[in-house]
N, C-alpha and C. Protein backbone atom coordinates (compact mmCIF):
# COMPACT_ATOMS: atom_id res chain seq x y z
N MET A 1 -13.91 -111.23 30.35
CA MET A 1 -15.00 -111.86 29.70
C MET A 1 -16.14 -111.97 30.60
N GLU A 2 -17.34 -111.57 30.15
CA GLU A 2 -18.58 -111.51 30.96
C GLU A 2 -19.45 -112.68 30.56
N LEU A 3 -19.93 -113.41 31.47
CA LEU A 3 -20.82 -114.64 31.19
C LEU A 3 -22.29 -114.21 31.75
N SER A 4 -23.16 -114.24 30.95
CA SER A 4 -24.49 -113.93 31.22
C SER A 4 -25.47 -115.18 31.00
N ILE A 5 -26.03 -115.58 32.07
CA ILE A 5 -27.02 -116.70 31.88
C ILE A 5 -28.40 -116.32 32.53
N ASP A 6 -29.38 -116.48 31.69
CA ASP A 6 -30.69 -116.17 32.18
C ASP A 6 -31.30 -117.20 33.04
N MET A 7 -32.33 -116.91 33.75
CA MET A 7 -32.96 -117.74 34.71
C MET A 7 -33.42 -118.99 34.08
N GLU A 8 -34.05 -118.93 32.84
CA GLU A 8 -34.59 -120.18 32.13
C GLU A 8 -33.37 -121.21 31.80
N THR A 9 -32.23 -120.61 31.42
CA THR A 9 -31.09 -121.45 31.13
C THR A 9 -30.62 -122.18 32.46
N THR A 10 -30.62 -121.36 33.47
CA THR A 10 -30.15 -121.94 34.83
C THR A 10 -31.06 -123.08 35.24
N ILE A 11 -32.33 -122.95 35.06
CA ILE A 11 -33.38 -123.94 35.49
C ILE A 11 -33.23 -125.12 34.59
N THR A 12 -33.09 -124.94 33.30
CA THR A 12 -32.90 -126.07 32.35
C THR A 12 -31.57 -126.82 32.61
N ARG A 13 -30.58 -126.10 32.86
CA ARG A 13 -29.25 -126.80 33.21
C ARG A 13 -29.39 -127.66 34.46
N LYS A 14 -29.97 -127.08 35.47
CA LYS A 14 -30.28 -127.86 36.73
C LYS A 14 -31.13 -129.12 36.38
N SER A 15 -32.11 -129.00 35.66
CA SER A 15 -33.01 -130.02 35.20
C SER A 15 -32.24 -131.08 34.34
N ASN A 16 -31.51 -130.73 33.36
CA ASN A 16 -30.60 -131.64 32.64
C ASN A 16 -29.60 -132.33 33.56
N ALA A 17 -28.99 -131.68 34.46
CA ALA A 17 -28.01 -132.25 35.28
C ALA A 17 -28.68 -133.29 36.20
N LYS A 18 -29.82 -133.05 36.67
CA LYS A 18 -30.56 -133.99 37.53
C LYS A 18 -30.98 -135.25 36.63
N ASN A 19 -31.43 -134.98 35.49
CA ASN A 19 -31.68 -136.15 34.52
C ASN A 19 -30.56 -137.11 34.29
N ILE A 20 -29.36 -136.44 34.07
CA ILE A 20 -28.09 -137.24 33.81
C ILE A 20 -27.81 -138.04 35.20
N GLU A 21 -27.82 -137.27 36.32
CA GLU A 21 -27.64 -137.91 37.57
C GLU A 21 -28.56 -139.15 37.79
N ALA A 22 -29.91 -138.96 37.45
CA ALA A 22 -30.79 -139.98 37.57
C ALA A 22 -30.38 -141.15 36.69
N LYS A 23 -29.98 -140.95 35.48
CA LYS A 23 -29.59 -142.00 34.57
C LYS A 23 -28.45 -142.78 35.11
N ILE A 24 -27.36 -142.02 35.78
CA ILE A 24 -26.29 -142.75 36.36
C ILE A 24 -26.74 -143.57 37.59
N ARG A 25 -27.54 -143.12 38.43
CA ARG A 25 -28.06 -143.80 39.57
C ARG A 25 -28.88 -144.99 39.21
N ASN A 26 -29.70 -144.82 38.21
CA ASN A 26 -30.47 -145.94 37.73
C ASN A 26 -29.68 -147.02 37.15
N GLY A 27 -28.56 -146.61 36.42
CA GLY A 27 -27.58 -147.62 35.86
C GLY A 27 -26.92 -148.38 37.00
N ILE A 28 -26.67 -147.65 38.10
CA ILE A 28 -25.95 -148.36 39.18
C ILE A 28 -26.96 -149.31 39.84
N GLN A 29 -28.15 -148.96 39.98
CA GLN A 29 -29.20 -149.91 40.55
C GLN A 29 -29.31 -151.07 39.61
N ALA A 30 -29.43 -150.85 38.38
CA ALA A 30 -29.81 -151.89 37.38
C ALA A 30 -28.71 -152.93 37.36
N HIS A 31 -27.41 -152.44 37.52
CA HIS A 31 -26.29 -153.35 37.32
C HIS A 31 -25.59 -153.68 38.69
N SER A 32 -26.02 -153.20 39.73
CA SER A 32 -25.53 -153.42 41.13
C SER A 32 -24.11 -152.77 41.37
N ALA A 33 -24.11 -152.10 42.55
CA ALA A 33 -22.84 -151.51 42.88
C ALA A 33 -21.64 -152.45 42.99
N ILE A 34 -21.89 -153.72 43.35
CA ILE A 34 -20.92 -154.63 43.53
C ILE A 34 -20.26 -155.09 42.10
N ARG A 35 -21.12 -155.31 41.16
CA ARG A 35 -20.58 -155.57 39.79
C ARG A 35 -19.93 -154.35 39.10
N ILE A 36 -20.41 -153.14 39.40
CA ILE A 36 -19.66 -151.97 38.86
C ILE A 36 -18.46 -151.77 39.55
N ALA A 37 -18.43 -152.02 40.84
CA ALA A 37 -17.20 -151.80 41.55
C ALA A 37 -16.12 -152.82 41.00
N GLU A 38 -16.46 -154.01 40.81
CA GLU A 38 -15.52 -154.94 40.30
C GLU A 38 -15.08 -154.63 38.95
N ALA A 39 -15.98 -154.11 38.08
CA ALA A 39 -15.63 -153.78 36.65
C ALA A 39 -14.63 -152.69 36.56
N ILE A 40 -14.75 -151.72 37.58
CA ILE A 40 -13.81 -150.61 37.46
C ILE A 40 -12.67 -150.65 38.56
N GLY A 41 -12.74 -151.66 39.36
CA GLY A 41 -11.48 -151.94 40.27
C GLY A 41 -11.63 -151.07 41.55
N VAL A 42 -12.81 -150.85 42.09
CA VAL A 42 -12.80 -150.19 43.42
C VAL A 42 -13.70 -150.98 44.39
N ASN A 43 -13.66 -150.61 45.67
CA ASN A 43 -14.46 -151.33 46.65
C ASN A 43 -15.90 -150.82 46.46
N PRO A 44 -16.81 -151.82 46.61
CA PRO A 44 -18.25 -151.42 46.51
C PRO A 44 -18.69 -150.09 47.37
N SER A 45 -17.99 -150.01 48.57
CA SER A 45 -18.38 -148.96 49.35
C SER A 45 -18.08 -147.59 48.81
N GLN A 46 -17.11 -147.55 47.85
CA GLN A 46 -16.72 -146.37 47.10
C GLN A 46 -17.90 -145.92 46.27
N ILE A 47 -18.57 -146.81 45.69
CA ILE A 47 -19.75 -146.51 44.84
C ILE A 47 -20.80 -145.81 45.67
N THR A 48 -21.09 -146.33 46.85
CA THR A 48 -22.06 -145.71 47.78
C THR A 48 -21.61 -144.26 48.16
N ARG A 49 -20.36 -144.10 48.39
CA ARG A 49 -19.78 -142.74 48.64
C ARG A 49 -19.97 -141.72 47.46
N TRP A 50 -19.65 -142.25 46.36
CA TRP A 50 -19.89 -141.47 45.14
C TRP A 50 -21.31 -140.93 45.05
N GLN A 51 -22.34 -141.70 45.48
CA GLN A 51 -23.72 -141.32 45.35
C GLN A 51 -24.22 -140.35 46.31
N SER A 52 -23.41 -140.05 47.39
CA SER A 52 -23.83 -139.18 48.40
C SER A 52 -24.13 -137.79 47.80
N GLU A 53 -24.79 -136.94 48.54
CA GLU A 53 -25.13 -135.62 48.04
C GLU A 53 -23.95 -134.80 47.71
N ASP A 54 -22.84 -134.90 48.38
CA ASP A 54 -21.69 -134.24 48.05
C ASP A 54 -20.57 -135.15 47.36
N GLY A 55 -21.04 -136.26 46.75
CA GLY A 55 -20.16 -137.24 46.23
C GLY A 55 -19.92 -136.80 44.76
N ILE A 56 -19.16 -137.65 44.08
CA ILE A 56 -18.74 -137.36 42.69
C ILE A 56 -19.82 -137.49 41.62
N ILE A 57 -20.83 -138.26 41.89
CA ILE A 57 -21.90 -138.50 40.84
C ILE A 57 -22.69 -137.24 40.56
N PRO A 58 -23.18 -136.65 41.60
CA PRO A 58 -23.83 -135.31 41.36
C PRO A 58 -22.96 -134.27 40.70
N LYS A 59 -21.66 -134.25 41.03
CA LYS A 59 -20.63 -133.33 40.36
C LYS A 59 -20.47 -133.69 38.98
N MET A 60 -20.26 -135.02 38.65
CA MET A 60 -20.04 -135.40 37.31
C MET A 60 -21.21 -135.23 36.45
N ALA A 61 -22.44 -135.36 37.01
CA ALA A 61 -23.66 -135.01 36.24
C ALA A 61 -23.69 -133.58 35.80
N ARG A 62 -23.32 -132.69 36.74
CA ARG A 62 -23.29 -131.27 36.39
C ARG A 62 -22.14 -131.11 35.26
N LEU A 63 -20.96 -131.69 35.45
CA LEU A 63 -19.98 -131.54 34.43
C LEU A 63 -20.41 -132.01 33.06
N LEU A 64 -21.01 -133.26 33.09
CA LEU A 64 -21.55 -133.77 31.75
C LEU A 64 -22.59 -132.82 31.09
N ASP A 65 -23.40 -132.23 31.92
CA ASP A 65 -24.40 -131.31 31.42
C ASP A 65 -23.75 -130.04 30.90
N CYS A 66 -22.72 -129.53 31.72
CA CYS A 66 -22.03 -128.28 31.23
C CYS A 66 -21.32 -128.47 29.89
N ILE A 67 -20.79 -129.67 29.63
CA ILE A 67 -20.09 -129.81 28.44
C ILE A 67 -20.91 -130.37 27.18
N GLY A 68 -22.21 -130.41 27.53
CA GLY A 68 -23.29 -130.77 26.49
C GLY A 68 -23.32 -132.33 26.28
N TYR A 69 -22.90 -133.18 27.11
CA TYR A 69 -22.92 -134.53 26.98
C TYR A 69 -24.38 -135.13 27.21
N ASP A 70 -24.86 -135.86 26.30
CA ASP A 70 -26.17 -136.55 26.54
C ASP A 70 -26.13 -137.73 25.64
N SER A 71 -25.94 -138.90 26.22
CA SER A 71 -25.83 -140.16 25.44
C SER A 71 -27.16 -140.53 24.80
N PRO A 72 -27.17 -140.68 23.50
CA PRO A 72 -28.47 -140.96 22.77
C PRO A 72 -28.76 -142.40 23.02
N LYS A 73 -27.86 -143.25 23.33
CA LYS A 73 -28.04 -144.67 23.53
C LYS A 73 -27.99 -144.93 25.01
N GLN A 74 -29.01 -145.62 25.56
CA GLN A 74 -29.13 -145.92 26.88
C GLN A 74 -28.65 -147.20 27.39
N ASP A 75 -28.25 -148.05 26.42
CA ASP A 75 -27.69 -149.45 26.78
C ASP A 75 -26.32 -149.36 27.45
N LEU A 76 -26.11 -150.19 28.47
CA LEU A 76 -24.91 -150.19 29.21
C LEU A 76 -24.46 -151.66 29.40
N LYS A 77 -23.22 -151.98 29.03
CA LYS A 77 -22.74 -153.32 29.18
C LYS A 77 -21.53 -153.28 29.99
N LEU A 78 -21.45 -154.02 31.16
CA LEU A 78 -20.30 -154.06 32.00
C LEU A 78 -19.63 -155.44 31.82
N VAL A 79 -18.39 -155.38 31.63
CA VAL A 79 -17.62 -156.67 31.48
C VAL A 79 -16.45 -156.60 32.61
N ALA A 80 -16.58 -157.53 33.56
CA ALA A 80 -15.59 -157.58 34.56
C ALA A 80 -14.41 -158.55 34.08
N GLU A 81 -13.34 -158.08 34.41
CA GLU A 81 -12.02 -158.93 34.03
C GLU A 81 -11.70 -159.91 35.11
């Protein structure tokens, strides 16, 4: 199976992934790494590591873009147990 992607598609995909990554990072800033860490059961330092250049957030943004995910609703509500 041969996969052919033109330059325009590549540039658009990178741009979309960066937009998704920015939304994730903005959400973390808006809701604080501490609250997010408590809500998902990890240490706050883990959230910082995820945001590094080689961390999971940039990778997950590329994955979400690759599968065509784009949330139409921008509201986020965290509930810590």
